[in-house]
Each structure stands twice: as C-alpha cells, then as structure tokens.
Amino acid sequence: MVQLHATFSFSNSPKFSGSSPKRPRFSPTSSSLSPKRHRFSVEYLRANLLGTNLTFNCKANGGELDPLPHLQTLRTFPREELAAKVVLVRFDSALLLHEHVEQHRFQSDAVLTIKYLCQSGARVVLASDWSVKTNPKLSVAQSVADFLSSLVDYKVAPVQCISNLASKLEGFEKGDIVLLENLSEFRGEVANCSKFAQVLSSGVDIFVNDYFSRSHKMLASTCGVARFCYGNLAGFHFEKSLSQLRRAAETDTKPYVAIIGGGNLSDKAAALHSLASICDGLVFVGMMSFQIIHALGISVPLNFLEHGALKEALDIVQVAHNRNVQILYPKDFWCKNDSLPKQLEIFPAHGIPDGWVPIDIGPVSLVDINSTLTKCKKVTWIGPVKFRMSNCTKGASILAQMLNQLSQSNCSVTVVGSMACEAMVKESNSVSHLTTIENASVVWEFLKGRKLPGVMALDRAYPFDIDWIAAYSDPAQPLVVDIGSGNGMFLFGMAKIRKDLNFLGLEINKKLVQRCLDSVHQSGIQNRYFIATNATSTFRSIISSYPGKLVLVSIQCPNPDFSEPEHRWSMLQRSLVEAISDLLTANGKVFLQSDVETVSVRMKEQFHKYGKGKLTVLREQNYVVTNAGWLKENPFGVQSDWERHVLDRGAPMYRLMLHKSNSSERSDCS
C-alpha cells in the first residue's frame, strides 16, 4: 500500500498570468450513481430503448449548438437499487390522462416507466397537472387515481395534502403508488419555488422525470425537486423523446431540407439562423413565409407582415445566401373573402387583392415543394401549414402524403409539432418509421441554442471513454484525485514529488482545466491529468474505468457561497460520497479541508452518513490535532492556492483525514 501521509515540501508551482486564488468549484446538483448497464427482462427495453445515445452536437452559425448532455436514465440505473426507494415520477398528463389515451403512440413508454418502478419494488409517488380540457371526466384527484389504476394495473391512491407528504409515506410498502394533488393549483409549481419543490420531494429518494414536453420550462416538479433528491433520472418516455430530438438535429445526412410553418418569426429568429446554418434548403409554408417573401424584395400586403420582424428576416436570408442555401416560399395561395364566404380563389403571393386573405398554400407551391423534396435524404417539418383564418389545411395533408412517401424511400423524416404530427397520422397507417416530436416549443428552444432546464436538471453520465494510456505514461500506477482542483497548484506540487503516483484533477471550470492541460503538455511529465467535468455527477463513471487503484481523494475548500441559502452546504452530495467510498481501495484515504469550519463539519457528517460504514477518521501519532479534532498541519506539505491565501492572512484551516476500513471494521467518524 502506498503511504500518503508523509510530509512533502512544495516549491515550484505552475503560474498562470492574471490568476488569483479562487475556491475550486463543483456543482451542487445531485448525481448519477452508476454507469453500468444492466439487461432487463422487459422486452420493450431491448426493442425500443437499448443502445440509445443521448449526446450529440448540432452545428449552427458556424459553430455548434450546446450538446444535449448524457443523462442518467431509468434504463441504465441499477434495478436492484430501486427496491424500497421512494421514487417521485413527474408524468405528462397529456399522455396518460387524455380521453383517448389508448390511441396515443407515446402512452406505452410513459406507462412502462411507472410499471417498471413498481415491478422493481419502488414506492412510487406520481405528480402532474391536469384539467378538464385534457379529459372532461377527470376533475378531481380520486377520478384521476382511478383512471391511472386502470392504466398501470396497480392501485393508485390520492394524497389529499402535499404539505403532509412525508407523514403520508409512513407505512408506504413496496409497489405502492400515491398520486399528489393537481400541481396546477399551486403557484409554486410554475414559479419553480424552492420551498414548494422541497415539500414535493419530502421523503423522496429518487426523482424520475417523464415530462419531456415541458423540458424547456423551469417548474418546481421538474427542476426544483432535483436539488433535493440524491438521484435524478430520465424516464422511458423522456429518454426516447430526447433521442428523437437528437436525431432531428443530426446533420450528417445530405441533402437536408427544413420545412418551416407557423408564424412569429421574430421570436424564432435564432432558431431559423441555426436551421439556415445546418440545412441545404429552407421551405416556408406558413404565415412566416410572407416575412421571407418581403425580405427577398417581393411586394406583399403589409397586413400579412409581422411588425418589427424585417431585420430578422433579412438576416436569415443573408445567412442562407452566404451558405448557398436554397429558400423556397409559396408562389400561390388559396384565399377567401369575408364578403364571399363560399368562394375560394387562387392568387400569386405578390398579387393578393385587398379583402382577400390566405387560408392555404396553392397547387403551384405544392408542385415546387414536391420537386425539392424528392432530391432530399433528410427532411424536418416543424410548424403547421397554418394561416390566420385556417387550422387544418389541405396543403398540410398533401405535404404529409409527400413525406410519407419519401420516408419509404431511404429518406429520414422528422415531424415536429402537434398539428404536423396529426396530419402525418391521418395520411399514414403507421408513423413508426418517422421521428415525431409533438411539442414544437422544445425543439424551437433547442434550435435557439438555449439549454433545456428540464434536461439540465437531471443527472449526468460521463460522455466519453478516457484514453488512460494517452493520459499517463503508466496508467497502472495508483491514482490520486483532487475534486475541485482549481488551477492545479496542489496536484502539480504533489505530482512533482511523487512520480510513482498518477494525479487527476476534476474541475468544473473549463478554462482552468485547459490552462492546466497546457502546463502538463509543456512539462512533458505524464503523471498528471485534468478533466473539465461536474465531479458530483461523473466521479463514479470516470474512476471506475481507471486501470489502477484509487488511493487518495482530496476535497479542498469547496465554495459554500451559492446565491440561494438552501444550496449553501449542498456541495457534497450523497452519490459522490457513496462513489468515493465504493471505489477507494482498502486503506485508501480521503483528505477534507476548508477555511469554513461549518463546511468541514458538513463534509465530515456526509461521509459519516453515506460512507456505508467504510470510512473512519485516521488518527496517527505524527498527526497533531486541535482540541476540536482538526489537523493542525497539512499532512502533505503541499498547499492549494486557496489554502496558501487563507494561511497568508492568518486564518485557520479545518482539516480531516479519513481512511477506508477493512470490511471487518466499523465506521467511527464521530
């Protein structure tokens, strides 16, 4: 066993111009618990979900959209860890409570999430919002509970008072299901109120989000609760929907054309820029087309234009022109006149008379669209063929027929939006060969380059395999990990002295990590490496792939100064403590220190509570301790930049060394 308690001296540290001591940071969000995949007995998983990859990059505006992160999913979560756990499931009432739910093609995924949890022995808490618009028969919680009981084949019991949820869960047995009150009745839901989220998650161990259609919104039941649960997973429906969003944004298939319907160009300008940057052609089929026609210099009636959107339209046309992207707009329209309600006329786009308004795209336009689409290998239809005085149009039906035919001839077709999906369903016996996303708002927000809050709130899985052979000259050497490594002063000092060990810094600040990697490259010494990551989420999956032993983990001066008071002491989460306790080799060590005594106490308590009885306070003769039990000196003699800053101003550090006991030893972190 490598001895790590000897005193070291520290002299030469890497210097970065303009840098000042900063507390190392790692995210306070709770994390994924295991990267391992398990084979489940449910045939549906193998047929529909296995092999799904949940990260991709989408090029836009000459760069790339923020990639959707790899998520910890219910499918990949160890099934045995669900047993006896209280699991909160946020489900989509539009899927499960719809009057014609049996006809909904996504219903089976959402139902499977609940059934799978019950079959795994979890105690399930269901949460959602509903109204008589979704189903006129469901107005009170009891009727909703009865409806869900018939759907999932398990008894669902309503809970009358959310504020007393914890007491209601007492005596909760494996396989039991309770339904919370209608969330639409609570203002704290849409406000993402932290106190309301804490009430929702009271007594809950794991959160499962299956509400993808509102993942672009910040709700207490999708974002807020994630701060209070130690595991946050994507349900089966959420996972599949995210996979469909990934496929919609992939750009490796050419020619790629986007069919764009609807209106409100100014609000969607950023998304249209993205489409102009990744597509080979843009086809406009809705009210928005008049803005584009106008920007191309063609006269159209002013009352068809969106006020103040000309600049955005001109910018989109310019981006398309710069990339030689074809823009196709309707050449003619079916129009109606209120004075002649039974009469329809076809007029060219530039020649619609006063008093006439468009209600559908015309036959010439449809011929042009068909001619363009027949050359494509990938098509995305987003937004309805809809005008101010029309909803369902014949043009939409014909367009759906075109796409249905294309999808059967080696063309990838994605349909986005409820009206577009409805048109496809009417014109096709099956939509299983299509990628369909019913909520267009989620896709528009993603194309704008914005992060989806409901996605970002879930735990991360590590996105790629680490080439340890490239990282270290000898990847079999024992490993030391510094969580929140900052500018790397501690690791560089240690690595210079202990060349028989490998050192890994995990730091959430990408710029600091890049500086450290540059310094590693310049030094030519390959026993140190840095990764930009949220260690809370990824520690287990990163370290479990390392070929050598984990002998030391250090967590030094985590920053407690989060803007919200309830986050102040949540920088060390249960899942991270469990991962460290599991992966640390026998007699391995954990070094904790902070200049804030409350933080050190909190870290000590977390390891005592969640260390699974494997970690004890290390008391050795050469360790000098204070009356309160803290180490007086840094046992390594190598200081981090923040530690040096604290000591220079004469302030104390509160240090503690834990070591991993053998299985026969009992924990004593008191």
Foldseek 3Di string as FASTA:
>chain_A
DDDFLAADAFDDFDDDPPDADDFFAFDLFFAAFDQAADDDPDPCCVVAPPPQFQWDWFDFPNGTFPIQFFFAAPRRHPLLVLAAAEEEEEAECLQQVAPPNVPDPLNVQRLCLLLSSLVSQHQYEYEYADPCVRPVQDHFPVSVQVSNCVVNVAREAEDDDLQCVQVVCVVRGGSHYYYYGHPVVDPQFQVLNLVVLCSNCVRHAEYEYLHQLQLQGRTSNQFNVSSVHNAYHYGRNNSSLSSLLNVQRDQPFPQEEEEEEDADCVVLLLLLSGCLGRHQEYEYQYLNLLLLCVLVPAAADPVSDDPPCNVSSVVSVVSNVVVVRYYAYFQKFWKDAPVCHVDIDIDGRRDDDPRIDGAGGDDVSLVVVLVVCVPTQEYEYAYDSGYDPYDDDVNLLSVLLSVVVVLVVNHAYEYEAQSSVVSNVVNDVDCPSHSYHHNRVSSSCSSSSDDRSSSVSHHGEDNDADPQVVQAVDLAAAEEEEESCFLPQQVVRVCVVCVSAAYEYEGQDPVSQVNNVVVCVVVVHRRYHYDNDNCSHYVLVHLVPRNYAHAEYEYEAHQQPDPDNVSNQSSHGLSNLCSCLVRHDAFGKYKYKHLDVVNSVSVLVSNVVRSVFFKEWDDDPPFDADPVGFTQDDSHNGDRSVRVVCVVVPGGMGMTMMTTHDPVDGYDSD
